[in-house]
Amino acid sequence: MTVGDILDITREALWIIIKCSAPMLIVSLVVGLVISIFQTATSIQEQTLTFVPKILAVFLTIMICGSWLLENFRDFMVTLFSNFSKFVG
């Protein structure tokens, strides 16, 4: 196993992490922005108001995108394990 192989695996793993976390992060960002605009418009300065809607929105996103997330992780692991003999020997 060469340094190039390790870098390729690391790069692919980081790309999978970024790709799979993006939907949750984007939804959390949008919900936070909408609630911040609502707080500004109504002059409500409660800091904890954003937590529950963000948690619910991220949970809903995980439920909707869950099969896609698992498919990406599964494909990465199948590729990694199918090349296991190349890495060890």
PDB file of N, CA and C in Angstrom:
ATOM      1  N   MET A   1       0.849  -1.179   0.000  1.00  0.00           N
ATOM      2  CA  MET A   1       0.000   0.000   0.000  1.00  0.00           C
ATOM      3  C   MET A   1       0.889   1.235   0.000  1.00  0.00           C
ATOM      4  N   THR A   2       0.644   2.084  -0.956  1.00  0.00           N
ATOM      5  CA  THR A   2       1.479   3.269  -1.104  1.00  0.00           C
ATOM      6  C   THR A   2       0.816   4.474  -0.454  1.00  0.00           C
ATOM      7  N   VAL A   3       1.586   5.526  -0.378  1.00  0.00           N
ATOM      8  CA  VAL A   3       1.057   6.777   0.171  1.00  0.00           C
ATOM      9  C   VAL A   3      -0.062   7.306  -0.716  1.00  0.00           C
ATOM     10  N   GLY A   4       0.058   7.095  -2.001  1.00  0.00           N
ATOM     11  CA  GLY A   4      -0.990   7.524  -2.934  1.00  0.00           C
ATOM     12  C   GLY A   4      -2.309   6.818  -2.678  1.00  0.00           C
ATOM     13  N   ASP A   5      -2.239   5.510  -2.352  1.00  0.00           N
ATOM     14  CA  ASP A   5      -3.462   4.772  -2.019  1.00  0.00           C
ATOM     15  C   ASP A   5      -4.121   5.336  -0.767  1.00  0.00           C
ATOM     16  N   ILE A   6      -3.307   5.631   0.233  1.00  0.00           N
ATOM     17  CA  ILE A   6      -3.844   6.196   1.483  1.00  0.00           C
ATOM     18  C   ILE A   6      -4.477   7.556   1.228  1.00  0.00           C
ATOM     19  N   LEU A   7      -3.826   8.368   0.412  1.00  0.00           N
ATOM     20  CA  LEU A   7      -4.383   9.685   0.091  1.00  0.00           C
ATOM     21  C   LEU A   7      -5.679   9.566  -0.701  1.00  0.00           C
ATOM     22  N   ASP A   8      -5.745   8.604  -1.618  1.00  0.00           N
ATOM     23  CA  ASP A   8      -6.975   8.393  -2.386  1.00  0.00           C
ATOM     24  C   ASP A   8      -8.128   7.969  -1.482  1.00  0.00           C
ATOM     25  N   ILE A   9      -7.867   7.049  -0.550  1.00  0.00           N
ATOM     26  CA  ILE A   9      -8.910   6.603   0.375  1.00  0.00           C
ATOM     27  C   ILE A   9      -9.348   7.757   1.267  1.00  0.00           C
ATOM     28  N   THR A  10      -8.393   8.522   1.771  1.00  0.00           N
ATOM     29  CA  THR A  10      -8.715   9.666   2.630  1.00  0.00           C
ATOM     30  C   THR A  10      -9.518  10.716   1.887  1.00  0.00           C
ATOM     31  N   ARG A  11      -9.106  11.007   0.653  1.00  0.00           N
ATOM     32  CA  ARG A  11      -9.826  12.000  -0.154  1.00  0.00           C
ATOM     33  C   ARG A  11     -11.252  11.548  -0.424  1.00  0.00           C
ATOM     34  N   GLU A  12     -11.414  10.266  -0.766  1.00  0.00           N
ATOM     35  CA  GLU A  12     -12.754   9.746  -1.029  1.00  0.00           C
ATOM     36  C   GLU A  12     -13.610   9.746   0.238  1.00  0.00           C
ATOM     37  N   ALA A  13     -13.018   9.407   1.374  1.00  0.00           N
ATOM     38  CA  ALA A  13     -13.762   9.415   2.639  1.00  0.00           C
ATOM     39  C   ALA A  13     -14.199  10.828   3.007  1.00  0.00           C
ATOM     40  N   LEU A  14     -13.317  11.790   2.835  1.00  0.00           N
ATOM     41  CA  LEU A  14     -13.686  13.178   3.133  1.00  0.00           C
ATOM     42  C   LEU A  14     -14.765  13.681   2.185  1.00  0.00           C
ATOM     43  N   TRP A  15     -14.699  13.290   0.917  1.00  0.00           N
ATOM     44  CA  TRP A  15     -15.726  13.694  -0.034  1.00  0.00           C
ATOM     45  C   TRP A  15     -17.077  13.096   0.341  1.00  0.00           C
ATOM     46  N   ILE A  16     -17.093  11.820   0.767  1.00  0.00           N
ATOM     47  CA  ILE A  16     -18.338  11.177   1.206  1.00  0.00           C
ATOM     48  C   ILE A  16     -18.906  11.906   2.415  1.00  0.00           C
ATOM     49  N   ILE A  17     -18.049  12.272   3.353  1.00  0.00           N
ATOM     50  CA  ILE A  17     -18.506  12.988   4.546  1.00  0.00           C
ATOM     51  C   ILE A  17     -19.118  14.334   4.169  1.00  0.00           C
ATOM     52  N   ILE A  18     -18.457  15.068   3.297  1.00  0.00           N
ATOM     53  CA  ILE A  18     -18.978  16.375   2.875  1.00  0.00           C
ATOM     54  C   ILE A  18     -20.301  16.210   2.125  1.00  0.00           C
ATOM     55  N   LYS A  19     -20.330  15.250   1.207  1.00  0.00           N
ATOM     56  CA  LYS A  19     -21.528  15.047   0.391  1.00  0.00           C
ATOM     57  C   LYS A  19     -22.716  14.595   1.253  1.00  0.00           C
ATOM     58  N   CYS A  20     -22.465  13.762   2.240  1.00  0.00           N
ATOM     59  CA  CYS A  20     -23.558  13.230   3.052  1.00  0.00           C
ATOM     60  C   CYS A  20     -24.004  14.194   4.150  1.00  0.00           C
ATOM     61  N   SER A  21     -23.120  15.072   4.585  1.00  0.00           N
ATOM     62  CA  SER A  21     -23.526  16.018   5.622  1.00  0.00           C
ATOM     63  C   SER A  21     -24.139  17.291   5.045  1.00  0.00           C
ATOM     64  N   ALA A  22     -23.954  17.535   3.765  1.00  0.00           N
ATOM     65  CA  ALA A  22     -24.443  18.768   3.144  1.00  0.00           C
ATOM     66  C   ALA A  22     -25.958  18.960   3.267  1.00  0.00           C
ATOM     67  N   PRO A  23     -26.799  17.946   3.025  1.00  0.00           N
ATOM     68  CA  PRO A  23     -28.244  18.198   3.142  1.00  0.00           C
ATOM     69  C   PRO A  23     -28.661  18.653   4.540  1.00  0.00           C
ATOM     70  N   MET A  24     -28.118  18.022   5.579  1.00  0.00           N
ATOM     71  CA  MET A  24     -28.471  18.410   6.941  1.00  0.00           C
ATOM     72  C   MET A  24     -27.974  19.813   7.273  1.00  0.00           C
ATOM     73  N   LEU A  25     -26.766  20.124   6.829  1.00  0.00           N
ATOM     74  CA  LEU A  25     -26.218  21.450   7.107  1.00  0.00           C
ATOM     75  C   LEU A  25     -26.984  22.547   6.380  1.00  0.00           C
ATOM     76  N   ILE A  26     -27.357  22.291   5.142  1.00  0.00           N
ATOM     77  CA  ILE A  26     -28.097  23.293   4.373  1.00  0.00           C
ATOM     78  C   ILE A  26     -29.478  23.521   4.975  1.00  0.00           C
ATOM     79  N   VAL A  27     -30.161  22.441   5.351  1.00  0.00           N
ATOM     80  CA  VAL A  27     -31.481  22.577   5.972  1.00  0.00           C
ATOM     81  C   VAL A  27     -31.368  23.333   7.290  1.00  0.00           C
ATOM     82  N   SER A  28     -30.371  23.002   8.091  1.00  0.00           N
ATOM     83  CA  SER A  28     -30.178  23.704   9.362  1.00  0.00           C
ATOM     84  C   SER A  28     -29.885  25.188   9.140  1.00  0.00           C
ATOM     85  N   LEU A  29     -29.099  25.489   8.131  1.00  0.00           N
ATOM     86  CA  LEU A  29     -28.788  26.881   7.804  1.00  0.00           C
ATOM     87  C   LEU A  29     -30.037  27.644   7.381  1.00  0.00           C
ATOM     88  N   VAL A  30     -30.847  27.045   6.521  1.00  0.00           N
ATOM     89  CA  VAL A  30     -32.057  27.715   6.035  1.00  0.00           C
ATOM     90  C   VAL A  30     -33.059  27.925   7.172  1.00  0.00           C
ATOM     91  N   VAL A  31     -33.263  26.896   7.995  1.00  0.00           N
ATOM     92  CA  VAL A  31     -34.199  27.027   9.119  1.00  0.00           C
ATOM     93  C   VAL A  31     -33.703  28.091  10.091  1.00  0.00           C
ATOM     94  N   GLY A  32     -32.421  28.097  10.382  1.00  0.00           N
ATOM     95  CA  GLY A  32     -31.863  29.129  11.266  1.00  0.00           C
ATOM     96  C   GLY A  32     -32.017  30.523  10.704  1.00  0.00           C
ATOM     97  N   LEU A  33     -31.825  30.658   9.400  1.00  0.00           N
ATOM     98  CA  LEU A  33     -31.983  31.971   8.766  1.00  0.00           C
ATOM     99  C   LEU A  33     -33.427  32.441   8.824  1.00  0.00           C
ATOM    100  N   VAL A  34     -34.372  31.544   8.549  1.00  0.00           N
ATOM    101  CA  VAL A  34     -35.792  31.910   8.589  1.00  0.00           C
ATOM    102  C   VAL A  34     -36.196  32.312  10.007  1.00  0.00           C
ATOM    103  N   ILE A  35     -35.748  31.561  10.990  1.00  0.00           N
ATOM    104  CA  ILE A  35     -36.096  31.889  12.373  1.00  0.00           C
ATOM    105  C   ILE A  35     -35.427  33.186  12.803  1.00  0.00           C
ATOM    106  N   SER A  36     -34.206  33.433  12.359  1.00  0.00           N
ATOM    107  CA  SER A  36     -33.535  34.694  12.686  1.00  0.00           C
ATOM    108  C   SER A  36     -34.268  35.885  12.081  1.00  0.00           C
ATOM    109  N   ILE A  37     -34.741  35.731  10.856  1.00  0.00           N
ATOM    110  CA  ILE A  37     -35.524  36.807  10.237  1.00  0.00           C
ATOM    111  C   ILE A  37     -36.822  37.022  11.005  1.00  0.00           C
ATOM    112  N   PHE A  38     -37.465  35.938  11.412  1.00  0.00           N
ATOM    113  CA  PHE A  38     -38.690  36.033  12.222  1.00  0.00           C
ATOM    114  C   PHE A  38     -38.410  36.725  13.550  1.00  0.00           C
ATOM    115  N   GLN A  39     -37.297  36.379  14.190  1.00  0.00           N
ATOM    116  CA  GLN A  39     -36.946  37.016  15.464  1.00  0.00           C
ATOM    117  C   GLN A  39     -36.655  38.498  15.281  1.00  0.00           C
ATOM    118  N   THR A  40     -36.019  38.849  14.205  1.00  0.00           N
ATOM    119  CA  THR A  40     -35.729  40.256  13.938  1.00  0.00           C
ATOM    120  C   THR A  40     -37.009  41.041  13.665  1.00  0.00           C
ATOM    121  N   ALA A  41     -37.912  40.439  12.910  1.00  0.00           N
ATOM    122  CA  ALA A  41     -39.155  41.127  12.565  1.00  0.00           C
ATOM    123  C   ALA A  41     -40.064  41.300  13.781  1.00  0.00           C
ATOM    124  N   THR A  42     -40.038  40.343  14.698  1.00  0.00           N
ATOM    125  CA  THR A  42     -40.938  40.414  15.860  1.00  0.00           C
ATOM    126  C   THR A  42     -40.247  40.901  17.129  1.00  0.00           C
ATOM    127  N   SER A  43     -38.967  41.209  17.041  1.00  0.00           N
ATOM    128  CA  SER A  43     -38.171  41.673  18.189  1.00  0.00           C
ATOM    129  C   SER A  43     -38.142  40.666  19.328  1.00  0.00           C
ATOM    130  N   ILE A  44     -38.248  39.387  19.025  1.00  0.00           N
ATOM    131  CA  ILE A  44     -38.093  38.339  20.026  1.00  0.00           C
ATOM    132  C   ILE A  44     -36.607  38.011  20.095  1.00  0.00           C
ATOM    133  N   GLN A  45     -36.017  38.117  21.263  1.00  0.00           N
ATOM    134  CA  GLN A  45     -34.587  37.883  21.407  1.00  0.00           C
ATOM    135  C   GLN A  45     -34.293  36.630  22.220  1.00  0.00           C
ATOM    136  N   GLU A  46     -35.087  35.607  22.050  1.00  0.00           N
ATOM    137  CA  GLU A  46     -34.882  34.341  22.754  1.00  0.00           C
ATOM    138  C   GLU A  46     -33.849  33.512  21.990  1.00  0.00           C
ATOM    139  N   GLN A  47     -32.726  33.197  22.628  1.00  0.00           N
ATOM    140  CA  GLN A  47     -31.633  32.483  21.965  1.00  0.00           C
ATOM    141  C   GLN A  47     -31.954  31.015  21.728  1.00  0.00           C
ATOM    142  N   THR A  48     -32.800  30.433  22.573  1.00  0.00           N
ATOM    143  CA  THR A  48     -33.089  29.003  22.455  1.00  0.00           C
ATOM    144  C   THR A  48     -34.208  28.699  21.471  1.00  0.00           C
ATOM    145  N   LEU A  49     -34.796  29.707  20.858  1.00  0.00           N
ATOM    146  CA  LEU A  49     -35.914  29.510  19.941  1.00  0.00           C
ATOM    147  C   LEU A  49     -35.513  28.721  18.691  1.00  0.00           C
ATOM    148  N   THR A  50     -34.267  28.796  18.290  1.00  0.00           N
ATOM    149  CA  THR A  50     -33.853  28.137  17.052  1.00  0.00           C
ATOM    150  C   THR A  50     -33.552  26.655  17.219  1.00  0.00           C
ATOM    151  N   PHE A  51     -33.304  26.198  18.442  1.00  0.00           N
ATOM    152  CA  PHE A  51     -32.835  24.821  18.629  1.00  0.00           C
ATOM    153  C   PHE A  51     -33.860  23.771  18.232  1.00  0.00           C
ATOM    154  N   VAL A  52     -35.069  23.867  18.737  1.00  0.00           N
ATOM    155  CA  VAL A  52     -36.076  22.825  18.470  1.00  0.00           C
ATOM    156  C   VAL A  52     -36.438  22.753  16.989  1.00  0.00           C
ATOM    157  N   PRO A  53     -36.724  23.859  16.311  1.00  0.00           N
ATOM    158  CA  PRO A  53     -37.013  23.744  14.871  1.00  0.00           C
ATOM    159  C   PRO A  53     -35.845  23.190  14.058  1.00  0.00           C
ATOM    160  N   LYS A  54     -34.608  23.569  14.426  1.00  0.00           N
ATOM    161  CA  LYS A  54     -33.451  23.042  13.703  1.00  0.00           C
ATOM    162  C   LYS A  54     -33.318  21.534  13.913  1.00  0.00           C
ATOM    163  N   ILE A  55     -33.499  21.081  15.148  1.00  0.00           N
ATOM    164  CA  ILE A  55     -33.393  19.649  15.441  1.00  0.00           C
ATOM    165  C   ILE A  55     -34.469  18.882  14.679  1.00  0.00           C
ATOM    166  N   LEU A  56     -35.691  19.395  14.687  1.00  0.00           N
ATOM    167  CA  LEU A  56     -36.770  18.724  13.962  1.00  0.00           C
ATOM    168  C   LEU A  56     -36.514  18.710  12.457  1.00  0.00           C
ATOM    169  N   ALA A  57     -36.027  19.817  11.923  1.00  0.00           N
ATOM    170  CA  ALA A  57     -35.754  19.882  10.483  1.00  0.00           C
ATOM    171  C   ALA A  57     -34.624  18.935  10.088  1.00  0.00           C
ATOM    172  N   VAL A  58     -33.575  18.867  10.884  1.00  0.00           N
ATOM    173  CA  VAL A  58     -32.466  17.958  10.581  1.00  0.00           C
ATOM    174  C   VAL A  58     -32.924  16.510  10.708  1.00  0.00           C
ATOM    175  N   PHE A  59     -33.715  16.201  11.718  1.00  0.00           N
ATOM    176  CA  PHE A  59     -34.243  14.848  11.884  1.00  0.00           C
ATOM    177  C   PHE A  59     -35.112  14.459  10.692  1.00  0.00           C
ATOM    178  N   LEU A  60     -35.961  15.369  10.243  1.00  0.00           N
ATOM    179  CA  LEU A  60     -36.798  15.105   9.074  1.00  0.00           C
ATOM    180  C   LEU A  60     -35.945  14.898   7.816  1.00  0.00           C
ATOM    181  N   THR A  61     -34.888  15.685   7.682  1.00  0.00           N
ATOM    182  CA  THR A  61     -33.983  15.532   6.548  1.00  0.00           C
ATOM    183  C   THR A  61     -33.280  14.182   6.582  1.00  0.00           C
ATOM    184  N   ILE A  62     -32.871  13.742   7.765  1.00  0.00           N
ATOM    185  CA  ILE A  62     -32.245  12.429   7.891  1.00  0.00           C
ATOM    186  C   ILE A  62     -33.233  11.330   7.524  1.00  0.00           C
ATOM    187  N   MET A  63     -34.489  11.499   7.923  1.00  0.00           N
ATOM    188  CA  MET A  63     -35.502  10.500   7.573  1.00  0.00           C
ATOM    189  C   MET A  63     -35.731  10.448   6.062  1.00  0.00           C
ATOM    190  N   ILE A  64     -35.733  11.604   5.418  1.00  0.00           N
ATOM    191  CA  ILE A  64     -35.972  11.660   3.980  1.00  0.00           C
ATOM    192  C   ILE A  64     -34.755  11.161   3.205  1.00  0.00           C
ATOM    193  N   CYS A  65     -33.563  11.584   3.611  1.00  0.00           N
ATOM    194  CA  CYS A  65     -32.340  11.249   2.874  1.00  0.00           C
ATOM    195  C   CYS A  65     -31.621  10.020   3.424  1.00  0.00           C
ATOM    196  N   GLY A  66     -32.205   9.331   4.373  1.00  0.00           N
ATOM    197  CA  GLY A  66     -31.520   8.230   5.039  1.00  0.00           C
ATOM    198  C   GLY A  66     -31.081   7.119   4.115  1.00  0.00           C
ATOM    199  N   SER A  67     -31.945   6.729   3.203  1.00  0.00           N
ATOM    200  CA  SER A  67     -31.568   5.640   2.295  1.00  0.00           C
ATOM    201  C   SER A  67     -30.437   6.070   1.367  1.00  0.00           C
ATOM    202  N   TRP A  68     -30.457   7.308   0.935  1.00  0.00           N
ATOM    203  CA  TRP A  68     -29.388   7.822   0.087  1.00  0.00           C
ATOM    204  C   TRP A  68     -28.066   7.870   0.858  1.00  0.00           C
ATOM    205  N   LEU A  69     -28.125   8.306   2.126  1.00  0.00           N
ATOM    206  CA  LEU A  69     -26.923   8.344   2.958  1.00  0.00           C
ATOM    207  C   LEU A  69     -26.343   6.949   3.144  1.00  0.00           C
ATOM    208  N   LEU A  70     -27.200   5.999   3.496  1.00  0.00           N
ATOM    209  CA  LEU A  70     -26.733   4.631   3.700  1.00  0.00           C
ATOM    210  C   LEU A  70     -26.187   4.020   2.413  1.00  0.00           C
ATOM    211  N   GLU A  71     -26.790   4.355   1.287  1.00  0.00           N
ATOM    212  CA  GLU A  71     -26.299   3.843   0.008  1.00  0.00           C
ATOM    213  C   GLU A  71     -24.902   4.369  -0.294  1.00  0.00           C
ATOM    214  N   ASN A  72     -24.660   5.652  -0.020  1.00  0.00           N
ATOM    215  CA  ASN A  72     -23.325   6.223  -0.229  1.00  0.00           C
ATOM    216  C   ASN A  72     -22.298   5.575   0.685  1.00  0.00           C
ATOM    217  N   PHE A  73     -22.645   5.419   1.965  1.00  0.00           N
ATOM    218  CA  PHE A  73     -21.718   4.784   2.902  1.00  0.00           C
ATOM    219  C   PHE A  73     -21.459   3.327   2.519  1.00  0.00           C
ATOM    220  N   ARG A  74     -22.514   2.623   2.093  1.00  0.00           N
ATOM    221  CA  ARG A  74     -22.375   1.226   1.708  1.00  0.00           C
ATOM    222  C   ARG A  74     -21.477   1.091   0.487  1.00  0.00           C
ATOM    223  N   ASP A  75     -21.691   1.938  -0.515  1.00  0.00           N
ATOM    224  CA  ASP A  75     -20.854   1.882  -1.721  1.00  0.00           C
ATOM    225  C   ASP A  75     -19.383   2.138  -1.389  1.00  0.00           C
ATOM    226  N   PHE A  76     -19.129   3.090  -0.505  1.00  0.00           N
ATOM    227  CA  PHE A  76     -17.749   3.375  -0.106  1.00  0.00           C
ATOM    228  C   PHE A  76     -17.133   2.180   0.608  1.00  0.00           C
ATOM    229  N   MET A  77     -17.884   1.581   1.529  1.00  0.00           N
ATOM    230  CA  MET A  77     -17.350   0.448   2.288  1.00  0.00           C
ATOM    231  C   MET A  77     -17.170  -0.787   1.396  1.00  0.00           C
ATOM    232  N   VAL A  78     -18.086  -1.011   0.456  1.00  0.00           N
ATOM    233  CA  VAL A  78     -17.935  -2.148  -0.464  1.00  0.00           C
ATOM    234  C   VAL A  78     -16.683  -1.962  -1.313  1.00  0.00           C
ATOM    235  N   THR A  79     -16.464  -0.757  -1.796  1.00  0.00           N
ATOM    236  CA  THR A  79     -15.261  -0.480  -2.572  1.00  0.00           C
ATOM    237  C   THR A  79     -14.011  -0.670  -1.726  1.00  0.00           C
ATOM    238  N   LEU A  80     -14.059  -0.188  -0.499  1.00  0.00           N
ATOM    239  CA  LEU A  80     -12.914  -0.310   0.391  1.00  0.00           C
ATOM    240  C   LEU A  80     -12.613  -1.771   0.711  1.00  0.00           C
ATOM    241  N   PHE A  81     -13.644  -2.550   1.046  1.00  0.00           N
ATOM    242  CA  PHE A  81     -13.432  -3.949   1.405  1.00  0.00           C
ATOM    243  C   PHE A  81     -13.104  -4.821   0.189  1.00  0.00           C
ATOM    244  N   SER A  82     -13.600  -4.442  -0.986  1.00  0.00           N
ATOM    245  CA  SER A  82     -13.271  -5.240  -2.173  1.00  0.00           C
ATOM    246  C   SER A  82     -11.804  -5.067  -2.566  1.00  0.00           C
ATOM    247  N   ASN A  83     -11.198  -3.957  -2.195  1.00  0.00           N
ATOM    248  CA  ASN A  83      -9.777  -3.722  -2.471  1.00  0.00           C
ATOM    249  C   ASN A  83      -8.894  -4.047  -1.272  1.00  0.00           C
ATOM    250  N   PHE A  84      -9.448  -4.741  -0.291  1.00  0.00           N
ATOM    251  CA  PHE A  84      -8.716  -5.027   0.944  1.00  0.00           C
ATOM    252  C   PHE A  84      -7.454  -5.845   0.691  1.00  0.00           C
ATOM    253  N   SER A  85      -7.547  -6.817  -0.216  1.00  0.00           N
ATOM    254  CA  SER A  85      -6.376  -7.644  -0.501  1.00  0.00           C
ATOM    255  C   SER A  85      -5.242  -6.822  -1.125  1.00  0.00           C
ATOM    256  N   LYS A  86      -5.602  -5.803  -1.873  1.00  0.00           N
ATOM    257  CA  LYS A  86      -4.604  -4.919  -2.465  1.00  0.00           C
ATOM    258  C   LYS A  86      -3.890  -4.092  -1.385  1.00  0.00           C
ATOM    259  N   PHE A  87      -4.649  -3.717  -0.353  1.00  0.00           N
ATOM    260  CA  PHE A  87      -4.075  -2.874   0.695  1.00  0.00           C
ATOM    261  C   PHE A  87      -3.181  -3.675   1.641  1.00  0.00           C
ATOM    262  N   VAL A  88      -3.563  -4.917   1.920  1.00  0.00           N
ATOM    263  CA  VAL A  88      -2.824  -5.723   2.882  1.00  0.00           C
ATOM    264  C   VAL A  88      -1.584  -6.348   2.253  1.00  0.00           C
ATOM    265  N   GLY A  89      -1.763  -6.916   1.087  1.00  0.00           N
ATOM    266  CA  GLY A  89      -0.668  -7.694   0.514  1.00  0.00           C
ATOM    267  C   GLY A  89       0.152  -7.028  -0.485  1.00  0.00           C
TER     268      GLY A  89
END
